[in-house]
Amino acid sequence: DCTVLCRAMSLELIDIGANLTHDSFDADRDAVIARARNAGVGTMIVTGSTVEVSRQALALARAYPDVLYSTAGIHPHHAGQAPGDARDSLRDLYAHPEVVAIGECGLDFFRNFSTPVDQERVLRQQLELACDLHAPVFLHQRDAHDRFIGILRDYRPWLVRAVAHCFTGGATELEDCLGLDLHIGITGWICDERRGSHLKGLIPRIPVDRLMIETDAPYLLPRDLDPKPKTRRNESANLPHILAAVAAAAGRPIETLAAETTANARRFFALSG
């Protein structure tokens, strides 16, 4: 059992993307964080998806110093509702030491909850801000790869670091991302034999210094998790399960992947320890 191994070997994993402000955690958020730590997940990055959620994420990070950190951003789903002063608000949030990246930002043409025009405008605003602040950027893309890469290419020379969060694409998409020197975030999607099995063949192509792991909790519960929670809610405590799948795909020891992905996340987000 990977969780037992992580705990026994004192492996400190980092979940680079957990939506811990989500209302599904309202009743037991402290217990969720405690379970994660007990499973060997010593650090979690709480994702900001709107200005208000980013403020909530910061407040949560402050309540758990050196355990939780947060990002400040506007998800493409919410681009159409972004306030006019959003960029200034995100800048103010990033001034706090607990906030370690700009994002989650990007394009999502699968849902189009906001128009492509609004999505592109708000993405460019956040990329410009990340360049100005020399901040890492936490990126989202779904069904918009070519446009996403095209926009990102305009800013990449001035971005210090960028991660393709929750990467689910194919070989061509991976090569495009690596060609822009992006880090790659892998979730429990790799555990889904229906949609994510192709990722197993791509893991060996990801340079060891570019790979990170995440749950995207409460979303993307690993499909092969047994037993599954009745709520179908994902938690950071399931990160060792994802680590095991990634390690198997890489053909490398779990403890090696654990150390590498943790070191990568510490460097990417400039975390102490």
Protein backbone atom coordinates (compact mmCIF):
# COMPACT_ATOMS: atom_id res chain seq x y z
CA ASP A 1 0.00 0.00 0.00
CA CYS A 2 1.53 3.28 -1.15
CA THR A 3 0.03 5.29 1.69
CA VAL A 4 1.60 2.96 4.26
CA LEU A 5 4.91 3.15 2.38
CA CYS A 6 4.85 6.93 2.26
CA ARG A 7 4.12 7.11 5.97
CA ALA A 8 6.69 4.45 6.90
CA MET A 9 9.43 6.09 4.84
CA SER A 10 8.48 9.58 6.02
CA LEU A 11 7.93 10.65 2.42
CA GLU A 12 6.51 14.16 2.32
CA LEU A 13 4.36 14.50 -0.76
CA ILE A 14 3.06 17.79 -2.15
CA ASP A 15 -0.40 18.03 -3.70
CA ILE A 16 0.04 20.92 -6.13
CA GLY A 17 -3.70 21.32 -6.77
CA ALA A 18 -6.46 20.88 -4.20
CA ASN A 19 -9.72 22.87 -4.20
CA LEU A 20 -10.02 22.84 -0.43
CA THR A 21 -12.32 25.87 -0.40
CA HIS A 22 -14.99 23.77 -2.16
CA ASP A 23 -18.24 23.54 -0.20
CA SER A 24 -18.06 19.73 -0.17
CA PHE A 25 -15.32 20.16 2.47
CA ASP A 26 -17.27 22.57 4.67
CA ALA A 27 -18.39 19.92 7.16
CA ASP A 28 -15.02 18.21 7.69
CA ARG A 29 -12.22 20.34 6.20
CA ASP A 30 -9.95 19.95 9.23
CA ALA A 31 -10.35 16.17 9.15
CA VAL A 32 -9.62 16.12 5.41
CA ILE A 33 -6.37 17.99 5.97
CA ALA A 34 -5.48 15.70 8.89
CA ARG A 35 -6.10 12.59 6.75
CA ALA A 36 -3.86 13.97 4.05
CA ARG A 37 -1.02 14.62 6.46
CA ASN A 38 -1.45 11.17 7.97
CA ALA A 39 -1.13 9.72 4.46
CA GLY A 40 2.20 11.44 3.90
CA VAL A 41 0.93 14.55 2.11
CA GLY A 42 2.74 17.22 4.07
CA THR A 43 1.90 20.18 1.85
CA MET A 44 -1.12 21.14 -0.23
CA ILE A 45 -1.52 24.07 -2.62
CA VAL A 46 -5.08 25.42 -2.41
CA THR A 47 -6.32 26.51 -5.82
CA GLY A 48 -7.80 29.96 -6.40
CA SER A 49 -10.46 30.10 -9.13
CA THR A 50 -12.00 33.55 -8.62
CA VAL A 51 -10.87 36.61 -6.70
CA GLU A 52 -13.16 35.69 -3.81
CA VAL A 53 -12.14 32.03 -3.80
CA SER A 54 -8.50 33.14 -3.93
CA ARG A 55 -9.12 35.22 -0.80
CA GLN A 56 -10.70 32.20 0.89
CA ALA A 57 -7.74 30.06 -0.15
CA LEU A 58 -5.34 32.57 1.39
CA ALA A 59 -7.31 32.59 4.63
CA LEU A 60 -7.19 28.80 4.73
CA ALA A 61 -3.45 28.78 4.06
CA ARG A 62 -2.92 31.24 6.90
CA ALA A 63 -4.80 28.89 9.24
CA TYR A 64 -2.35 26.08 8.37
CA PRO A 65 1.09 27.68 8.15
CA ASP A 66 3.74 25.61 6.36
CA VAL A 67 1.10 23.01 5.47
CA LEU A 68 -1.20 24.90 3.12
CA TYR A 69 -0.27 27.48 0.51
CA SER A 70 -2.55 29.02 -2.10
CA THR A 71 -2.78 30.43 -5.59
CA ALA A 72 -4.56 33.56 -6.79
CA GLY A 73 -6.33 33.44 -10.11
CA ILE A 74 -9.45 33.35 -12.23
CA HIS A 75 -10.46 30.07 -13.86
CA PRO A 76 -11.70 30.38 -17.46
CA HIS A 77 -15.16 29.28 -16.34
CA HIS A 78 -15.40 32.55 -14.37
CA ALA A 79 -13.67 34.87 -16.83
CA GLY A 80 -16.93 36.48 -17.92
CA GLN A 81 -17.73 37.52 -14.34
CA ALA A 82 -14.26 38.80 -13.50
CA PRO A 83 -14.44 42.26 -11.89
CA GLY A 84 -12.76 45.17 -13.63
CA ASP A 85 -10.18 45.47 -10.85
CA ALA A 86 -9.39 41.74 -10.84
CA ARG A 87 -5.78 42.20 -11.87
CA ASP A 88 -5.15 44.64 -8.99
CA SER A 89 -6.87 42.26 -6.56
CA LEU A 90 -4.72 39.34 -7.70
CA ARG A 91 -1.61 41.49 -7.42
CA ASP A 92 -2.52 42.37 -3.83
CA LEU A 93 -3.14 38.71 -3.00
CA TYR A 94 0.20 37.63 -4.43
CA ALA A 95 1.93 40.06 -2.06
CA HIS A 96 1.16 37.65 0.78
CA PRO A 97 3.84 35.00 1.34
CA GLU A 98 1.28 32.19 1.51
CA VAL A 99 0.27 32.85 -2.12
CA VAL A 100 2.76 31.01 -4.32
CA ALA A 101 1.42 31.25 -7.89
CA ILE A 102 -0.91 33.12 -10.23
CA GLY A 103 -3.80 30.99 -11.48
CA GLU A 104 -5.69 28.79 -12.00
CA CYS A 105 -5.94 30.44 -15.40
CA GLY A 106 -6.29 29.26 -18.96
CA LEU A 107 -8.83 28.28 -21.58
CA ASP A 108 -11.74 25.84 -21.43
CA PHE A 109 -13.61 25.51 -24.71
CA PHE A 110 -15.25 22.26 -23.58
CA ARG A 111 -17.75 24.00 -21.32
CA ASN A 112 -17.52 27.60 -22.55
CA PHE A 113 -19.15 28.87 -19.36
CA SER A 114 -17.44 32.12 -20.38
CA THR A 115 -17.03 33.18 -23.98
CA PRO A 116 -13.70 32.42 -25.70
CA VAL A 117 -13.13 36.18 -26.03
CA ASP A 118 -13.52 36.71 -22.28
CA GLN A 119 -11.39 33.65 -21.51
CA GLU A 120 -8.54 34.84 -23.71
CA ARG A 121 -8.69 38.37 -22.32
CA VAL A 122 -8.55 37.23 -18.69
CA LEU A 123 -5.84 34.66 -19.43
CA ARG A 124 -3.67 37.34 -21.03
CA GLN A 125 -4.22 39.63 -18.04
CA GLN A 126 -3.02 36.93 -15.66
CA LEU A 127 -0.03 35.97 -17.80
CA GLU A 128 0.98 39.63 -17.98
CA LEU A 129 0.64 39.87 -14.21
CA ALA A 130 2.73 36.73 -13.67
CA CYS A 131 5.43 38.14 -15.94
CA ASP A 132 5.36 41.45 -14.06
CA LEU A 133 5.52 39.78 -10.63
CA HIS A 134 8.00 37.07 -11.67
CA ALA A 135 5.43 34.62 -10.34
CA PRO A 136 4.90 30.97 -11.25
CA VAL A 137 1.67 30.36 -13.15
CA PHE A 138 -0.84 27.52 -12.68
CA LEU A 139 -2.46 26.73 -16.03
CA HIS A 140 -5.70 25.07 -17.13
CA GLN A 141 -6.58 23.92 -20.64
CA ARG A 142 -9.42 21.82 -22.01
CA ASP A 143 -10.38 21.45 -25.67
CA ALA A 144 -8.42 24.60 -26.50
CA HIS A 145 -4.86 23.32 -26.89
CA ASP A 146 -3.75 25.12 -30.06
CA ARG A 147 -5.11 28.50 -28.96
CA PHE A 148 -3.74 27.98 -25.45
CA ILE A 149 -0.24 27.19 -26.72
CA GLY A 150 -0.39 30.10 -29.14
CA ILE A 151 -1.19 32.59 -26.38
CA LEU A 152 1.27 31.07 -23.94
CA ARG A 153 4.06 31.28 -26.51
CA ASP A 154 3.64 35.09 -26.52
CA TYR A 155 4.48 35.29 -22.81
CA ARG A 156 6.69 32.28 -22.12
CA PRO A 157 10.05 34.11 -22.45
CA TRP A 158 9.10 36.33 -19.50
CA LEU A 159 7.40 33.71 -17.29
CA VAL A 160 9.64 32.31 -14.58
CA ARG A 161 7.83 28.97 -14.31
CA ALA A 162 4.55 27.51 -15.60
CA VAL A 163 2.74 24.22 -15.02
CA ALA A 164 0.16 22.52 -17.20
CA HIS A 165 -2.11 21.54 -14.34
CA CYS A 166 -4.11 18.30 -14.70
CA PHE A 167 -2.51 17.30 -17.99
CA THR A 168 -4.75 14.86 -19.89
CA GLY A 169 -3.56 15.33 -23.47
CA GLY A 170 -1.79 13.09 -25.95
CA ALA A 171 1.77 12.87 -27.19
CA THR A 172 1.55 15.91 -29.46
CA GLU A 173 0.08 18.07 -26.72
CA LEU A 174 2.76 16.89 -24.30
CA GLU A 175 5.54 17.74 -26.75
CA ASP A 176 4.04 21.21 -27.24
CA CYS A 177 3.99 21.78 -23.47
CA LEU A 178 7.52 20.47 -22.97
CA GLY A 179 8.64 22.56 -25.92
CA LEU A 180 7.61 25.61 -23.90
CA ASP A 181 9.47 24.23 -20.87
CA LEU A 182 6.30 23.70 -18.86
CA HIS A 183 6.07 21.54 -15.78
CA ILE A 184 3.43 18.81 -16.06
CA GLY A 185 0.87 18.06 -13.33
CA ILE A 186 -0.56 14.53 -13.31
CA THR A 187 -3.81 13.69 -11.49
CA GLY A 188 -5.89 10.57 -10.90
CA TRP A 189 -6.93 10.79 -14.55
CA ILE A 190 -4.07 8.33 -15.10
CA CYS A 191 -6.06 5.80 -13.03
CA ASP A 192 -9.05 5.89 -15.40
CA GLU A 193 -8.81 2.96 -17.83
CA ARG A 194 -11.50 4.51 -20.04
CA ARG A 195 -9.99 7.95 -20.61
CA GLY A 196 -6.56 8.17 -19.03
CA SER A 197 -4.68 4.99 -19.82
CA HIS A 198 -2.76 6.75 -22.62
CA LEU A 199 -1.00 8.82 -19.95
CA LYS A 200 0.88 5.74 -18.76
CA GLY A 201 2.80 5.65 -22.02
CA LEU A 202 3.59 9.37 -21.81
CA ILE A 203 5.00 9.49 -18.28
CA PRO A 204 8.49 8.29 -19.37
CA ARG A 205 8.65 11.23 -21.80
CA ILE A 206 8.31 13.81 -19.03
CA PRO A 207 11.73 14.95 -17.76
CA VAL A 208 12.22 14.02 -14.12
CA ASP A 209 12.62 17.69 -13.16
CA ARG A 210 9.30 18.67 -14.79
CA LEU A 211 6.88 16.16 -13.24
CA MET A 212 4.53 16.98 -10.36
CA ILE A 213 1.46 15.25 -8.92
CA GLU A 214 -1.92 16.49 -7.73
CA THR A 215 -5.43 15.36 -6.81
CA ASP A 216 -7.56 18.31 -8.03
CA ALA A 217 -9.75 17.39 -5.05
CA PRO A 218 -12.71 17.14 -4.71
CA TYR A 219 -12.72 16.30 -8.43
CA LEU A 220 -11.13 13.40 -10.35
CA LEU A 221 -11.43 10.64 -7.76
CA PRO A 222 -9.12 7.85 -9.03
CA ARG A 223 -11.40 5.40 -10.79
CA ASP A 224 -9.47 2.35 -9.59
CA LEU A 225 -9.51 3.39 -5.93
CA ASP A 226 -10.84 0.55 -3.77
CA PRO A 227 -12.85 1.06 -1.68
CA LYS A 228 -14.32 4.24 -3.10
CA PRO A 229 -15.89 6.80 -0.76
CA LYS A 230 -19.67 6.86 -0.92
CA THR A 231 -19.56 10.59 -1.58
CA ARG A 232 -17.29 10.11 -4.64
CA ARG A 233 -15.32 13.04 -3.26
CA ASN A 234 -11.59 13.09 -3.91
CA GLU A 235 -9.16 14.13 -1.17
CA SER A 236 -5.47 14.93 -0.92
CA ALA A 237 -5.09 11.74 1.13
CA ASN A 238 -5.43 9.88 -2.19
CA LEU A 239 -2.24 11.43 -3.58
CA PRO A 240 -0.11 8.36 -2.69
CA HIS A 241 -2.44 6.26 -4.86
CA ILE A 242 -1.75 8.60 -7.79
CA LEU A 243 1.97 8.53 -7.01
CA ALA A 244 1.93 4.73 -7.22
CA ALA A 245 0.28 4.82 -10.65
CA VAL A 246 2.78 7.38 -11.93
CA ALA A 247 5.71 5.42 -10.53
CA ALA A 248 4.46 2.22 -12.18
CA ALA A 249 4.12 4.04 -15.51
CA ALA A 250 7.61 5.45 -15.15
CA GLY A 251 9.03 2.06 -14.20
CA ARG A 252 10.76 3.62 -11.22
CA PRO A 253 10.58 3.14 -7.43
CA ILE A 254 7.79 4.90 -5.59
CA GLU A 255 10.22 6.49 -3.16
CA THR A 256 12.27 7.92 -6.04
CA LEU A 257 9.21 9.49 -7.69
CA ALA A 258 8.06 10.80 -4.33
CA ALA A 259 11.36 12.56 -3.68
CA GLU A 260 11.58 13.96 -7.21
CA THR A 261 8.02 15.29 -7.45
CA THR A 262 8.29 16.86 -4.01
CA ALA A 263 11.59 18.52 -4.87
CA ASN A 264 10.13 19.77 -8.14
CA ALA A 265 7.12 21.27 -6.37
CA ARG A 266 9.31 22.95 -3.75
CA ARG A 267 11.41 24.55 -6.46
CA PHE A 268 8.43 25.48 -8.62
CA PHE A 269 6.50 27.23 -5.85
CA ALA A 270 9.66 28.41 -4.02
CA LEU A 271 8.60 26.63 -0.83
CA SER A 272 10.90 26.42 2.16
CA GLY A 273 11.99 23.08 3.61
